[in-house]
PDB file of N, CA and C in Angstrom:
ATOM      1  N   UNK A   1     107.481 139.328  41.573  1.00  0.00           N
ATOM      2  CA  UNK A   1     107.815 138.336  42.765  1.00  0.00           C
ATOM      3  C   UNK A   1     106.006 137.985  42.567  1.00  0.00           C
ATOM      4  N   UNK A   2     104.631 137.358  43.229  1.00  0.00           N
ATOM      5  CA  UNK A   2     103.520 137.846  43.567  1.00  0.00           C
ATOM      6  C   UNK A   2     103.879 136.898  44.826  1.00  0.00           C
ATOM      7  N   UNK A   3     102.724 138.132  45.721  1.00  0.00           N
ATOM      8  CA  UNK A   3     103.620 138.133  47.357  1.00  0.00           C
ATOM      9  C   UNK A   3     102.381 136.430  47.783  1.00  0.00           C
ATOM     10  N   UNK A   4     101.426 136.576  46.930  1.00  0.00           N
ATOM     11  CA  UNK A   4      99.955 135.089  47.261  1.00  0.00           C
ATOM     12  C   UNK A   4      99.750 134.433  45.956  1.00  0.00           C
ATOM     13  N   UNK A   5     101.124 134.095  45.425  1.00  0.00           N
ATOM     14  CA  UNK A   5     101.881 133.154  43.940  1.00  0.00           C
ATOM     15  C   UNK A   5     100.266 133.749  43.562  1.00  0.00           C
ATOM     16  N   UNK A   6      99.059 134.700  42.971  1.00  0.00           N
ATOM     17  CA  UNK A   6      98.279 135.068  42.469  1.00  0.00           C
ATOM     18  C   UNK A   6      96.711 134.367  42.641  1.00  0.00           C
ATOM     19  N   UNK A   7      97.255 133.921  43.900  1.00  0.00           N
ATOM     20  CA  UNK A   7      96.007 133.578  44.714  1.00  0.00           C
ATOM     21  C   UNK A   7      94.565 134.935  44.909  1.00  0.00           C
ATOM     22  N   UNK A   8      95.167 135.735  45.082  1.00  0.00           N
ATOM     23  CA  UNK A   8      94.391 137.021  45.165  1.00  0.00           C
ATOM     24  C   UNK A   8      93.973 137.571  43.747  1.00  0.00           C
ATOM     25  N   UNK A   9      94.542 136.834  42.534  1.00  0.00           N
ATOM     26  CA  UNK A   9      94.114 138.099  41.119  1.00  0.00           C
ATOM     27  C   UNK A   9      93.247 136.580  41.260  1.00  0.00           C
ATOM     28  N   UNK A  10      93.382 135.368  41.417  1.00  0.00           N
ATOM     29  CA  UNK A  10      92.269 134.596  41.294  1.00  0.00           C
ATOM     30  C   UNK A  10      91.041 134.910  42.268  1.00  0.00           C
ATOM     31  N   UNK A  11      91.460 135.245  43.611  1.00  0.00           N
ATOM     32  CA  UNK A  11      90.056 135.658  43.782  1.00  0.00           C
ATOM     33  C   UNK A  11      89.622 136.802  43.498  1.00  0.00           C
ATOM     34  N   UNK A  12      90.457 137.440  43.325  1.00  0.00           N
ATOM     35  CA  UNK A  12      89.601 138.855  42.519  1.00  0.00           C
ATOM     36  C   UNK A  12      88.911 138.290  41.554  1.00  0.00           C
ATOM     37  N   UNK A  13      89.430 137.866  40.635  1.00  0.00           N
ATOM     38  CA  UNK A  13      88.379 137.461  39.685  1.00  0.00           C
ATOM     39  C   UNK A  13      86.906 136.377  39.746  1.00  0.00           C
ATOM     40  N   UNK A  14      87.331 135.332  40.472  1.00  0.00           N
ATOM     41  CA  UNK A  14      86.162 134.695  41.346  1.00  0.00           C
ATOM     42  C   UNK A  14      84.606 135.642  41.960  1.00  0.00           C
ATOM     43  N   UNK A  15      85.543 137.174  42.536  1.00  0.00           N
ATOM     44  CA  UNK A  15      84.878 138.166  42.740  1.00  0.00           C
ATOM     45  C   UNK A  15      83.765 138.561  41.649  1.00  0.00           C
ATOM     46  N   UNK A  16      84.458 138.527  41.045  1.00  0.00           N
ATOM     47  CA  UNK A  16      83.481 139.231  39.988  1.00  0.00           C
ATOM     48  C   UNK A  16      82.812 139.135  39.089  1.00  0.00           C
ATOM     49  N   UNK A  17      83.414 137.597  38.986  1.00  0.00           N
ATOM     50  CA  UNK A  17      81.982 136.326  38.303  1.00  0.00           C
ATOM     51  C   UNK A  17      81.301 136.628  39.121  1.00  0.00           C
ATOM     52  N   UNK A  18      81.085 136.148  40.135  1.00  0.00           N
ATOM     53  CA  UNK A  18      80.104 136.116  41.670  1.00  0.00           C
ATOM     54  C   UNK A  18      78.889 137.462  41.126  1.00  0.00           C
ATOM     55  N   UNK A  19      79.882 138.667  41.088  1.00  0.00           N
ATOM     56  CA  UNK A  19      78.981 140.018  40.807  1.00  0.00           C
ATOM     57  C   UNK A  19      78.087 140.123  40.019  1.00  0.00           C
ATOM     58  N   UNK A  20      79.182 139.998  38.509  1.00  0.00           N
ATOM     59  CA  UNK A  20      78.215 139.895  37.535  1.00  0.00           C
ATOM     60  C   UNK A  20      77.211 138.494  37.436  1.00  0.00           C
ATOM     61  N   UNK A  21      77.031 137.855  38.644  1.00  0.00           N
ATOM     62  CA  UNK A  21      75.815 136.999  37.971  1.00  0.00           C
ATOM     63  C   UNK A  21      75.116 137.474  38.944  1.00  0.00           C
ATOM     64  N   UNK A  22      75.015 138.078  39.845  1.00  0.00           N
ATOM     65  CA  UNK A  22      74.474 138.883  41.252  1.00  0.00           C
ATOM     66  C   UNK A  22      73.333 139.511  40.589  1.00  0.00           C
ATOM     67  N   UNK A  23      74.660 140.690  38.842  1.00  0.00           N
ATOM     68  CA  UNK A  23      73.308 141.513  38.479  1.00  0.00           C
ATOM     69  C   UNK A  23      72.412 140.896  37.991  1.00  0.00           C
ATOM     70  N   UNK A  24      72.794 139.509  37.291  1.00  0.00           N
ATOM     71  CA  UNK A  24      72.066 139.111  35.916  1.00  0.00           C
ATOM     72  C   UNK A  24      70.886 138.493  36.740  1.00  0.00           C
ATOM     73  N   UNK A  25      70.761 137.717  37.726  1.00  0.00           N
ATOM     74  CA  UNK A  25      69.921 137.430  38.998  1.00  0.00           C
ATOM     75  C   UNK A  25      69.175 138.617  38.694  1.00  0.00           C
ATOM     76  N   UNK A  26      70.129 139.865  39.535  1.00  0.00           N
ATOM     77  CA  UNK A  26      68.932 140.620  40.227  1.00  0.00           C
ATOM     78  C   UNK A  26      67.859 141.200  38.869  1.00  0.00           C
ATOM     79  N   UNK A  27      68.874 141.913  37.379  1.00  0.00           N
ATOM     80  CA  UNK A  27      67.513 142.286  36.173  1.00  0.00           C
ATOM     81  C   UNK A  27      66.256 141.365  35.908  1.00  0.00           C
ATOM     82  N   UNK A  28      66.789 140.021  36.129  1.00  0.00           N
ATOM     83  CA  UNK A  28      65.675 139.058  35.940  1.00  0.00           C
ATOM     84  C   UNK A  28      64.577 138.847  36.695  1.00  0.00           C
ATOM     85  N   UNK A  29      65.663 138.864  38.143  1.00  0.00           N
ATOM     86  CA  UNK A  29      64.079 139.361  39.064  1.00  0.00           C
ATOM     87  C   UNK A  29      62.840 140.541  38.454  1.00  0.00           C
ATOM     88  N   UNK A  30      63.592 141.453  38.696  1.00  0.00           N
ATOM     89  CA  UNK A  30      63.525 142.617  37.872  1.00  0.00           C
ATOM     90  C   UNK A  30      62.365 142.921  37.276  1.00  0.00           C
ATOM     91  N   UNK A  31      62.571 141.869  36.563  1.00  0.00           N
ATOM     92  CA  UNK A  31      61.910 142.217  34.637  1.00  0.00           C
ATOM     93  C   UNK A  31      60.777 140.957  34.469  1.00  0.00           C
ATOM     94  N   UNK A  32      60.875 140.342  35.779  1.00  0.00           N
ATOM     95  CA  UNK A  32      59.430 138.800  35.827  1.00  0.00           C
ATOM     96  C   UNK A  32      58.496 139.492  34.926  1.00  0.00           C
ATOM     97  N   UNK A  33      57.947 141.183  35.223  1.00  0.00           N
ATOM     98  CA  UNK A  33      56.780 140.469  34.114  1.00  0.00           C
ATOM     99  C   UNK A  33      56.500 141.469  33.104  1.00  0.00           C
ATOM    100  N   UNK A  34      57.784 141.788  32.467  1.00  0.00           N
ATOM    101  CA  UNK A  34      58.486 142.262  31.180  1.00  0.00           C
ATOM    102  C   UNK A  34      57.896 141.520  30.353  1.00  0.00           C
ATOM    103  N   UNK A  35      56.934 141.688  29.512  1.00  0.00           N
ATOM    104  CA  UNK A  35      56.525 140.328  28.374  1.00  0.00           C
ATOM    105  C   UNK A  35      58.066 139.734  27.706  1.00  0.00           C
ATOM    106  N   UNK A  36      57.744 139.550  26.746  1.00  0.00           N
ATOM    107  CA  UNK A  36      59.183 138.844  25.987  1.00  0.00           C
ATOM    108  C   UNK A  36      60.580 138.894  26.357  1.00  0.00           C
ATOM    109  N   UNK A  37      60.090 139.600  27.635  1.00  0.00           N
ATOM    110  CA  UNK A  37      62.284 139.230  28.380  1.00  0.00           C
ATOM    111  C   UNK A  37      62.520 138.050  28.265  1.00  0.00           C
ATOM    112  N   UNK A  38      63.627 137.434  28.043  1.00  0.00           N
ATOM    113  CA  UNK A  38      64.603 136.173  28.027  1.00  0.00           C
ATOM    114  C   UNK A  38      65.502 136.709  29.432  1.00  0.00           C
ATOM    115  N   UNK A  39      65.083 135.995  30.444  1.00  0.00           N
ATOM    116  CA  UNK A  39      66.248 135.673  31.709  1.00  0.00           C
ATOM    117  C   UNK A  39      67.903 135.133  31.017  1.00  0.00           C
ATOM    118  N   UNK A  40      68.583 136.313  31.686  1.00  0.00           N
ATOM    119  CA  UNK A  40      70.072 136.092  31.734  1.00  0.00           C
ATOM    120  C   UNK A  40      71.025 135.391  32.612  1.00  0.00           C
ATOM    121  N   UNK A  41      71.866 135.074  32.499  1.00  0.00           N
ATOM    122  CA  UNK A  41      73.001 133.565  32.855  1.00  0.00           C
ATOM    123  C   UNK A  41      74.373 134.124  32.868  1.00  0.00           C
ATOM    124  N   UNK A  42      75.249 133.649  33.701  1.00  0.00           N
ATOM    125  CA  UNK A  42      76.732 134.015  33.307  1.00  0.00           C
ATOM    126  C   UNK A  42      77.188 133.262  32.896  1.00  0.00           C
ATOM    127  N   UNK A  43      77.521 132.883  31.567  1.00  0.00           N
ATOM    128  CA  UNK A  43      78.512 131.449  31.246  1.00  0.00           C
ATOM    129  C   UNK A  43      79.729 132.283  31.716  1.00  0.00           C
ATOM    130  N   UNK A  44      79.890 131.007  32.789  1.00  0.00           N
ATOM    131  CA  UNK A  44      81.773 130.875  33.073  1.00  0.00           C
ATOM    132  C   UNK A  44      82.393 129.180  32.434  1.00  0.00           C
ATOM    133  N   UNK A  45      82.159 128.453  32.389  1.00  0.00           N
ATOM    134  CA  UNK A  45      82.240 127.392  31.803  1.00  0.00           C
ATOM    135  C   UNK A  45      82.945 127.003  30.218  1.00  0.00           C
ATOM    136  N   UNK A  46      81.023 128.057  29.905  1.00  0.00           N
ATOM    137  CA  UNK A  46      81.297 128.057  28.062  1.00  0.00           C
ATOM    138  C   UNK A  46      82.714 128.487  27.617  1.00  0.00           C
ATOM    139  N   UNK A  47      82.888 129.872  28.594  1.00  0.00           N
ATOM    140  CA  UNK A  47      84.040 130.736  28.328  1.00  0.00           C
ATOM    141  C   UNK A  47      85.474 129.944  28.638  1.00  0.00           C
ATOM    142  N   UNK A  48      85.611 128.654  29.901  1.00  0.00           N
ATOM    143  CA  UNK A  48      86.610 127.761  29.731  1.00  0.00           C
ATOM    144  C   UNK A  48      86.904 127.387  28.016  1.00  0.00           C
ATOM    145  N   UNK A  49      85.560 126.505  27.845  1.00  0.00           N
ATOM    146  CA  UNK A  49      85.764 125.786  27.640  1.00  0.00           C
ATOM    147  C   UNK A  49      86.662 125.955  25.804  1.00  0.00           C
ATOM    148  N   UNK A  50      85.828 127.342  25.497  1.00  0.00           N
ATOM    149  CA  UNK A  50      86.240 127.900  24.205  1.00  0.00           C
ATOM    150  C   UNK A  50      87.802 127.853  24.303  1.00  0.00           C
ATOM    151  N   UNK A  51      88.805 128.531  25.827  1.00  0.00           N
ATOM    152  CA  UNK A  51      89.568 129.031  25.967  1.00  0.00           C
ATOM    153  C   UNK A  51      90.851 128.032  26.119  1.00  0.00           C
ATOM    154  N   UNK A  52      89.958 126.878  26.463  1.00  0.00           N
ATOM    155  CA  UNK A  52      90.875 125.923  26.270  1.00  0.00           C
ATOM    156  C   UNK A  52      91.314 125.488  25.053  1.00  0.00           C
ATOM    157  N   UNK A  53      90.746 125.412  23.932  1.00  0.00           N
ATOM    158  CA  UNK A  53      92.029 125.075  22.924  1.00  0.00           C
ATOM    159  C   UNK A  53      93.089 125.920  22.444  1.00  0.00           C
ATOM    160  N   UNK A  54      92.774 127.052  23.109  1.00  0.00           N
ATOM    161  CA  UNK A  54      93.936 127.736  22.253  1.00  0.00           C
ATOM    162  C   UNK A  54      94.572 128.653  23.370  1.00  0.00           C
ATOM    163  N   UNK A  55      94.634 127.718  24.784  1.00  0.00           N
ATOM    164  CA  UNK A  55      95.913 128.156  25.333  1.00  0.00           C
ATOM    165  C   UNK A  55      96.744 127.497  25.490  1.00  0.00           C
ATOM    166  N   UNK A  56      98.201 128.021  25.285  1.00  0.00           N
ATOM    167  CA  UNK A  56      99.704 127.894  25.853  1.00  0.00           C
ATOM    168  C   UNK A  56     100.076 128.647  27.451  1.00  0.00           C
ATOM    169  N   UNK A  57     101.780 127.824  27.107  1.00  0.00           N
ATOM    170  CA  UNK A  57     102.220 128.174  28.156  1.00  0.00           C
ATOM    171  C   UNK A  57     103.535 127.864  28.050  1.00  0.00           C
ATOM    172  N   UNK A  58     104.573 128.257  28.490  1.00  0.00           N
ATOM    173  CA  UNK A  58     106.192 128.307  29.089  1.00  0.00           C
ATOM    174  C   UNK A  58     106.223 126.924  29.803  1.00  0.00           C
ATOM    175  N   UNK A  59     106.798 125.753  29.329  1.00  0.00           N
ATOM    176  CA  UNK A  59     106.528 124.574  29.739  1.00  0.00           C
ATOM    177  C   UNK A  59     108.110 124.808  29.889  1.00  0.00           C
ATOM    178  N   UNK A  60     108.533 123.938  31.239  1.00  0.00           N
ATOM    179  CA  UNK A  60     109.677 123.451  31.760  1.00  0.00           C
ATOM    180  C   UNK A  60     110.122 122.229  31.591  1.00  0.00           C
ATOM    181  N   UNK A  61     109.339 121.198  32.025  1.00  0.00           N
ATOM    182  CA  UNK A  61     108.753 120.313  32.053  1.00  0.00           C
ATOM    183  C   UNK A  61     108.109 119.450  30.872  1.00  0.00           C
ATOM    184  N   UNK A  62     108.259 118.217  30.407  1.00  0.00           N
ATOM    185  CA  UNK A  62     107.043 118.505  29.490  1.00  0.00           C
ATOM    186  C   UNK A  62     106.046 117.362  29.994  1.00  0.00           C
ATOM    187  N   UNK A  63     106.213 117.154  31.131  1.00  0.00           N
ATOM    188  CA  UNK A  63     104.302 116.058  31.704  1.00  0.00           C
ATOM    189  C   UNK A  63     103.784 117.359  32.536  1.00  0.00           C
ATOM    190  N   UNK A  64     104.453 119.208  32.413  1.00  0.00           N
ATOM    191  CA  UNK A  64     103.122 119.895  33.199  1.00  0.00           C
ATOM    192  C   UNK A  64     101.916 119.952  31.920  1.00  0.00           C
ATOM    193  N   UNK A  65     101.385 120.388  32.997  1.00  0.00           N
ATOM    194  CA  UNK A  65      99.776 120.768  32.093  1.00  0.00           C
ATOM    195  C   UNK A  65     100.402 122.607  31.024  1.00  0.00           C
ATOM    196  N   UNK A  66      99.526 122.542  30.155  1.00  0.00           N
ATOM    197  CA  UNK A  66      99.672 123.365  29.754  1.00  0.00           C
ATOM    198  C   UNK A  66      98.810 124.242  29.373  1.00  0.00           C
ATOM    199  N   UNK A  67      98.538 126.184  29.789  1.00  0.00           N
ATOM    200  CA  UNK A  67      98.105 126.455  30.255  1.00  0.00           C
ATOM    201  C   UNK A  67      98.387 127.859  29.948  1.00  0.00           C
ATOM    202  N   UNK A  68      97.307 129.100  30.417  1.00  0.00           N
ATOM    203  CA  UNK A  68      97.142 130.573  30.200  1.00  0.00           C
ATOM    204  C   UNK A  68      96.639 131.185  31.335  1.00  0.00           C
ATOM    205  N   UNK A  69      97.095 132.180  31.196  1.00  0.00           N
ATOM    206  CA  UNK A  69      96.904 133.830  32.438  1.00  0.00           C
ATOM    207  C   UNK A  69      96.691 134.365  31.947  1.00  0.00           C
ATOM    208  N   UNK A  70      95.602 134.436  30.461  1.00  0.00           N
ATOM    209  CA  UNK A  70      95.479 135.456  29.999  1.00  0.00           C
ATOM    210  C   UNK A  70      93.557 135.563  29.864  1.00  0.00           C
ATOM    211  N   UNK A  71      92.912 136.459  29.449  1.00  0.00           N
ATOM    212  CA  UNK A  71      91.474 136.481  29.484  1.00  0.00           C
ATOM    213  C   UNK A  71      90.630 135.247  30.662  1.00  0.00           C
ATOM    214  N   UNK A  72      90.597 134.927  31.315  1.00  0.00           N
ATOM    215  CA  UNK A  72      89.356 134.076  31.825  1.00  0.00           C
ATOM    216  C   UNK A  72      88.180 134.352  32.529  1.00  0.00           C
ATOM    217  N   UNK A  73      87.564 135.246  31.465  1.00  0.00           N
ATOM    218  CA  UNK A  73      86.484 135.853  32.069  1.00  0.00           C
ATOM    219  C   UNK A  73      85.309 135.151  31.519  1.00  0.00           C
ATOM    220  N   UNK A  74      83.777 135.715  31.388  1.00  0.00           N
ATOM    221  CA  UNK A  74      83.145 135.304  31.656  1.00  0.00           C
ATOM    222  C   UNK A  74      82.149 135.690  30.748  1.00  0.00           C
ATOM    223  N   UNK A  75      81.031 135.817  30.285  1.00  0.00           N
ATOM    224  CA  UNK A  75      80.498 136.536  29.875  1.00  0.00           C
ATOM    225  C   UNK A  75      78.595 136.240  30.033  1.00  0.00           C
ATOM    226  N   UNK A  76      78.120 137.554  29.646  1.00  0.00           N
ATOM    227  CA  UNK A  76      76.309 136.710  30.462  1.00  0.00           C
ATOM    228  C   UNK A  76      75.639 136.722  28.953  1.00  0.00           C
ATOM    229  N   UNK A  77      74.727 135.311  29.306  1.00  0.00           N
ATOM    230  CA  UNK A  77      74.111 134.978  28.215  1.00  0.00           C
ATOM    231  C   UNK A  77      72.258 135.067  27.916  1.00  0.00           C
ATOM    232  N   UNK A  78      71.473 135.341  26.870  1.00  0.00           N
ATOM    233  CA  UNK A  78      70.333 134.992  27.327  1.00  0.00           C
ATOM    234  C   UNK A  78      69.849 133.316  27.167  1.00  0.00           C
ATOM    235  N   UNK A  79      69.121 132.925  27.839  1.00  0.00           N
ATOM    236  CA  UNK A  79      68.723 131.455  27.911  1.00  0.00           C
ATOM    237  C   UNK A  79      67.388 131.523  27.811  1.00  0.00           C
ATOM    238  N   UNK A  80      67.383 131.931  25.881  1.00  0.00           N
ATOM    239  CA  UNK A  80      66.419 131.570  24.656  1.00  0.00           C
ATOM    240  C   UNK A  80      65.613 130.016  24.508  1.00  0.00           C
ATOM    241  N   UNK A  81      65.834 129.086  25.772  1.00  0.00           N
ATOM    242  CA  UNK A  81      65.746 127.976  25.126  1.00  0.00           C
ATOM    243  C   UNK A  81      64.290 127.661  25.942  1.00  0.00           C
ATOM    244  N   UNK A  82      63.834 128.399  26.867  1.00  0.00           N
ATOM    245  CA  UNK A  82      62.367 128.049  27.685  1.00  0.00           C
ATOM    246  C   UNK A  82      61.697 129.213  27.723  1.00  0.00           C
ATOM    247  N   UNK A  83      60.703 128.298  27.455  1.00  0.00           N
ATOM    248  CA  UNK A  83      59.315 129.631  27.848  1.00  0.00           C
ATOM    249  C   UNK A  83      58.614 129.356  29.592  1.00  0.00           C
ATOM    250  N   UNK A  84      58.243 130.406  30.270  1.00  0.00           N
ATOM    251  CA  UNK A  84      57.987 129.598  31.251  1.00  0.00           C
ATOM    252  C   UNK A  84      56.307 130.001  30.981  1.00  0.00           C
ATOM    253  N   UNK A  85      55.953 131.646  30.701  1.00  0.00           N
ATOM    254  CA  UNK A  85      55.278 132.271  30.623  1.00  0.00           C
ATOM    255  C   UNK A  85      53.945 132.697  29.611  1.00  0.00           C
ATOM    256  N   UNK A  86      53.279 132.990  29.807  1.00  0.00           N
ATOM    257  CA  UNK A  86      52.321 133.584  28.063  1.00  0.00           C
ATOM    258  C   UNK A  86      52.621 134.043  27.614  1.00  0.00           C
ATOM    259  N   UNK A  87      53.192 135.273  28.364  1.00  0.00           N
ATOM    260  CA  UNK A  87      53.428 136.140  27.869  1.00  0.00           C
ATOM    261  C   UNK A  87      55.042 136.612  27.544  1.00  0.00           C
ATOM    262  N   UNK A  88      56.096 135.361  26.572  1.00  0.00           N
ATOM    263  CA  UNK A  88      56.940 135.455  26.519  1.00  0.00           C
ATOM    264  C   UNK A  88      57.996 135.233  26.805  1.00  0.00           C
ATOM    265  N   UNK A  89      57.960 135.541  28.557  1.00  0.00           N
ATOM    266  CA  UNK A  89      58.836 135.581  29.423  1.00  0.00           C
ATOM    267  C   UNK A  89      59.109 134.230  30.585  1.00  0.00           C
ATOM    268  N   UNK A  90      61.068 133.969  29.854  1.00  0.00           N
ATOM    269  CA  UNK A  90      61.317 132.649  30.855  1.00  0.00           C
ATOM    270  C   UNK A  90      61.864 132.909  32.086  1.00  0.00           C
ATOM    271  N   UNK A  91      61.047 133.854  32.820  1.00  0.00           N
ATOM    272  CA  UNK A  91      61.999 133.995  34.512  1.00  0.00           C
ATOM    273  C   UNK A  91      60.953 133.078  35.135  1.00  0.00           C
ATOM    274  N   UNK A  92      62.425 132.062  35.810  1.00  0.00           N
ATOM    275  CA  UNK A  92      61.292 131.159  36.479  1.00  0.00           C
ATOM    276  C   UNK A  92      62.038 131.992  37.790  1.00  0.00           C
ATOM    277  N   UNK A  93      61.120 132.218  39.235  1.00  0.00           N
ATOM    278  CA  UNK A  93      61.663 132.986  40.057  1.00  0.00           C
ATOM    279  C   UNK A  93      61.768 132.277  41.585  1.00  0.00           C
ATOM    280  N   UNK A  94      61.482 130.789  41.313  1.00  0.00           N
ATOM    281  CA  UNK A  94      62.238 130.076  42.275  1.00  0.00           C
ATOM    282  C   UNK A  94      63.813 129.611  42.035  1.00  0.00           C
ATOM    283  N   UNK A  95      63.578 129.799  40.877  1.00  0.00           N
ATOM    284  CA  UNK A  95      64.980 129.134  40.341  1.00  0.00           C
ATOM    285  C   UNK A  95      65.871 130.320  40.801  1.00  0.00           C
ATOM    286  N   UNK A  96      65.235 131.257  40.358  1.00  0.00           N
ATOM    287  CA  UNK A  96      66.427 132.487  40.253  1.00  0.00           C
ATOM    288  C   UNK A  96      66.621 132.934  42.330  1.00  0.00           C
ATOM    289  N   UNK A  97      65.631 132.664  43.264  1.00  0.00           N
ATOM    290  CA  UNK A  97      66.398 133.020  44.054  1.00  0.00           C
ATOM    291  C   UNK A  97      67.054 132.300  44.553  1.00  0.00           C
ATOM    292  N   UNK A  98      66.790 130.449  44.163  1.00  0.00           N
ATOM    293  CA  UNK A  98      67.691 129.709  44.416  1.00  0.00           C
ATOM    294  C   UNK A  98      69.090 129.830  44.048  1.00  0.00           C
ATOM    295  N   UNK A  99      69.450 130.205  43.211  1.00  0.00           N
ATOM    296  CA  UNK A  99      70.588 130.772  42.471  1.00  0.00           C
ATOM    297  C   UNK A  99      70.820 132.040  43.156  1.00  0.00           C
ATOM    298  N   UNK A 100      70.088 133.187  43.991  1.00  0.00           N
ATOM    299  CA  UNK A 100      70.829 133.800  44.181  1.00  0.00           C
ATOM    300  C   UNK A 100      71.374 133.876  45.792  1.00  0.00           C
ATOM    301  N   UNK A 101      70.100 132.673  46.832  1.00  0.00           N
ATOM    302  CA  UNK A 101      71.016 131.808  47.763  1.00  0.00           C
ATOM    303  C   UNK A 101      72.244 131.414  47.063  1.00  0.00           C
ATOM    304  N   UNK A 102      71.964 131.009  46.602  1.00  0.00           N
ATOM    305  CA  UNK A 102      73.685 130.551  46.509  1.00  0.00           C
ATOM    306  C   UNK A 102      75.119 131.123  45.864  1.00  0.00           C
ATOM    307  N   UNK A 103      74.521 132.255  44.955  1.00  0.00           N
ATOM    308  CA  UNK A 103      75.420 132.793  44.782  1.00  0.00           C
ATOM    309  C   UNK A 103      75.931 134.108  45.706  1.00  0.00           C
ATOM    310  N   UNK A 104      75.068 134.558  46.703  1.00  0.00           N
ATOM    311  CA  UNK A 104      75.491 134.877  47.832  1.00  0.00           C
ATOM    312  C   UNK A 104      75.994 133.953  48.803  1.00  0.00           C
ATOM    313  N   UNK A 105      76.268 133.059  49.115  1.00  0.00           N
ATOM    314  CA  UNK A 105      77.082 131.416  49.675  1.00  0.00           C
ATOM    315  C   UNK A 105      78.658 131.418  49.145  1.00  0.00           C
ATOM    316  N   UNK A 106      78.938 131.927  47.969  1.00  0.00           N
ATOM    317  CA  UNK A 106      79.716 131.574  46.968  1.00  0.00           C
ATOM    318  C   UNK A 106      80.518 133.350  47.094  1.00  0.00           C
ATOM    319  N   UNK A 107      79.896 134.174  47.262  1.00  0.00           N
ATOM    320  CA  UNK A 107      80.719 135.001  47.463  1.00  0.00           C
ATOM    321  C   UNK A 107      80.313 135.763  48.362  1.00  0.00           C
ATOM    322  N   UNK A 108      80.488 135.365  49.819  1.00  0.00           N
ATOM    323  CA  UNK A 108      80.794 134.931  51.295  1.00  0.00           C
ATOM    324  C   UNK A 108      82.083 134.850  51.413  1.00  0.00           C
ATOM    325  N   UNK A 109      81.824 133.641  50.830  1.00  0.00           N
ATOM    326  CA  UNK A 109      82.894 132.431  51.044  1.00  0.00           C
ATOM    327  C   UNK A 109      84.206 132.676  50.663  1.00  0.00           C
ATOM    328  N   UNK A 110      84.274 133.540  49.496  1.00  0.00           N
ATOM    329  CA  UNK A 110      85.513 134.043  48.628  1.00  0.00           C
ATOM    330  C   UNK A 110      86.205 135.496  49.481  1.00  0.00           C
ATOM    331  N   UNK A 111      84.576 135.940  49.789  1.00  0.00           N
ATOM    332  CA  UNK A 111      85.090 137.394  51.258  1.00  0.00           C
ATOM    333  C   UNK A 111      85.639 137.124  51.641  1.00  0.00           C
ATOM    334  N   UNK A 112      85.383 136.064  52.580  1.00  0.00           N
ATOM    335  CA  UNK A 112      85.995 135.129  53.860  1.00  0.00           C
ATOM    336  C   UNK A 112      87.320 134.637  53.733  1.00  0.00           C
ATOM    337  N   UNK A 113      87.562 134.213  52.423  1.00  0.00           N
ATOM    338  CA  UNK A 113      89.258 133.821  51.623  1.00  0.00           C
ATOM    339  C   UNK A 113      90.251 134.895  52.007  1.00  0.00           C
ATOM    340  N   UNK A 114      89.298 136.392  51.002  1.00  0.00           N
ATOM    341  CA  UNK A 114      90.259 137.038  50.974  1.00  0.00           C
ATOM    342  C   UNK A 114      90.597 137.778  52.234  1.00  0.00           C
ATOM    343  N   UNK A 115      90.058 137.893  53.448  1.00  0.00           N
ATOM    344  CA  UNK A 115      90.003 138.561  53.977  1.00  0.00           C
ATOM    345  C   UNK A 115      91.110 137.684  55.107  1.00  0.00           C
ATOM    346  N   UNK A 116      90.908 136.202  54.709  1.00  0.00           N
ATOM    347  CA  UNK A 116      91.774 135.503  55.661  1.00  0.00           C
ATOM    348  C   UNK A 116      93.062 135.816  54.843  1.00  0.00           C
ATOM    349  N   UNK A 117      92.886 136.203  53.576  1.00  0.00           N
ATOM    350  CA  UNK A 117      94.751 136.213  53.737  1.00  0.00           C
ATOM    351  C   UNK A 117      95.245 137.472  53.996  1.00  0.00           C
ATOM    352  N   UNK A 118      94.377 138.747  53.828  1.00  0.00           N
ATOM    353  CA  UNK A 118      95.609 140.214  54.137  1.00  0.00           C
ATOM    354  C   UNK A 118      95.709 139.728  55.422  1.00  0.00           C
ATOM    355  N   UNK A 119      94.370 139.389  56.109  1.00  0.00           N
ATOM    356  CA  UNK A 119      94.960 138.895  57.823  1.00  0.00           C
ATOM    357  C   UNK A 119      96.439 138.368  58.233  1.00  0.00           C
ATOM    358  N   UNK A 120      96.979 137.601  57.309  1.00  0.00           N
ATOM    359  CA  UNK A 120      97.781 136.710  57.680  1.00  0.00           C
ATOM    360  C   UNK A 120      99.312 137.444  56.932  1.00  0.00           C
ATOM    361  N   UNK A 121      98.329 138.380  55.640  1.00  0.00           N
ATOM    362  CA  UNK A 121      99.994 139.742  56.147  1.00  0.00           C
ATOM    363  C   UNK A 121      99.408 140.987  56.576  1.00  0.00           C
ATOM    364  N   UNK A 122      99.052 140.873  57.722  1.00  0.00           N
ATOM    365  CA  UNK A 122      98.698 141.963  58.676  1.00  0.00           C
ATOM    366  C   UNK A 122      99.383 141.216  59.526  1.00  0.00           C
ATOM    367  N   UNK A 123      98.960 139.837  59.473  1.00  0.00           N
ATOM    368  CA  UNK A 123      99.808 139.529  61.669  1.00  0.00           C
ATOM    369  C   UNK A 123     101.766 139.198  61.138  1.00  0.00           C
ATOM    370  N   UNK A 124     102.265 139.390  59.447  1.00  0.00           N
ATOM    371  CA  UNK A 124     103.363 138.943  59.295  1.00  0.00           C
ATOM    372  C   UNK A 124     103.734 140.795  59.361  1.00  0.00           C
ATOM    373  N   UNK A 125     103.182 141.508  59.252  1.00  0.00           N
ATOM    374  CA  UNK A 125     103.686 143.272  59.133  1.00  0.00           C
ATOM    375  C   UNK A 125     103.688 143.629  60.297  1.00  0.00           C
ATOM    376  N   UNK A 126     102.899 142.816  61.640  1.00  0.00           N
ATOM    377  CA  UNK A 126     102.844 143.423  62.897  1.00  0.00           C
ATOM    378  C   UNK A 126     103.966 142.166  64.111  1.00  0.00           C
ATOM    379  N   UNK A 127     104.410 141.775  63.075  1.00  0.00           N
ATOM    380  CA  UNK A 127     105.164 140.882  63.531  1.00  0.00           C
ATOM    381  C   UNK A 127     105.040 139.402  64.522  1.00  0.00           C
ATOM    382  N   UNK A 128     104.262 139.226  63.703  1.00  0.00           N
ATOM    383  CA  UNK A 128     103.457 138.211  64.820  1.00  0.00           C
ATOM    384  C   UNK A 128     102.141 137.778  65.714  1.00  0.00           C
ATOM    385  N   UNK A 129     102.527 139.623  66.545  1.00  0.00           N
ATOM    386  CA  UNK A 129     101.207 140.099  66.902  1.00  0.00           C
ATOM    387  C   UNK A 129     100.068 140.070  66.982  1.00  0.00           C
TER     388      UNK A 129
END
């Protein structure tokens, strides 16, 4: 029996996604002047769409959704469809900085949520005090 019903595992996966996205953004910013460098991104929705066709689950009722707790990971992809600079580099620093700020807010919200879960557990262990 899972103590939090899989919430901690889902939050852990989301933190991993956010960390990988932050790494991709940092690499893009670091290589802004590198000739022929192609910006990278972390794709989650593409992996989800691909895996939706293969999902299976044990259902106890015909109206339950089918799903799978398998690998719901993400992957880093190259953005090859755009050309931004004359040297073949396609990093847009304004977009990268906006994505970085958005990702930091997302990461902080996940950390706050997981801290809340562990705070609740700590309160229960202390007997409500």
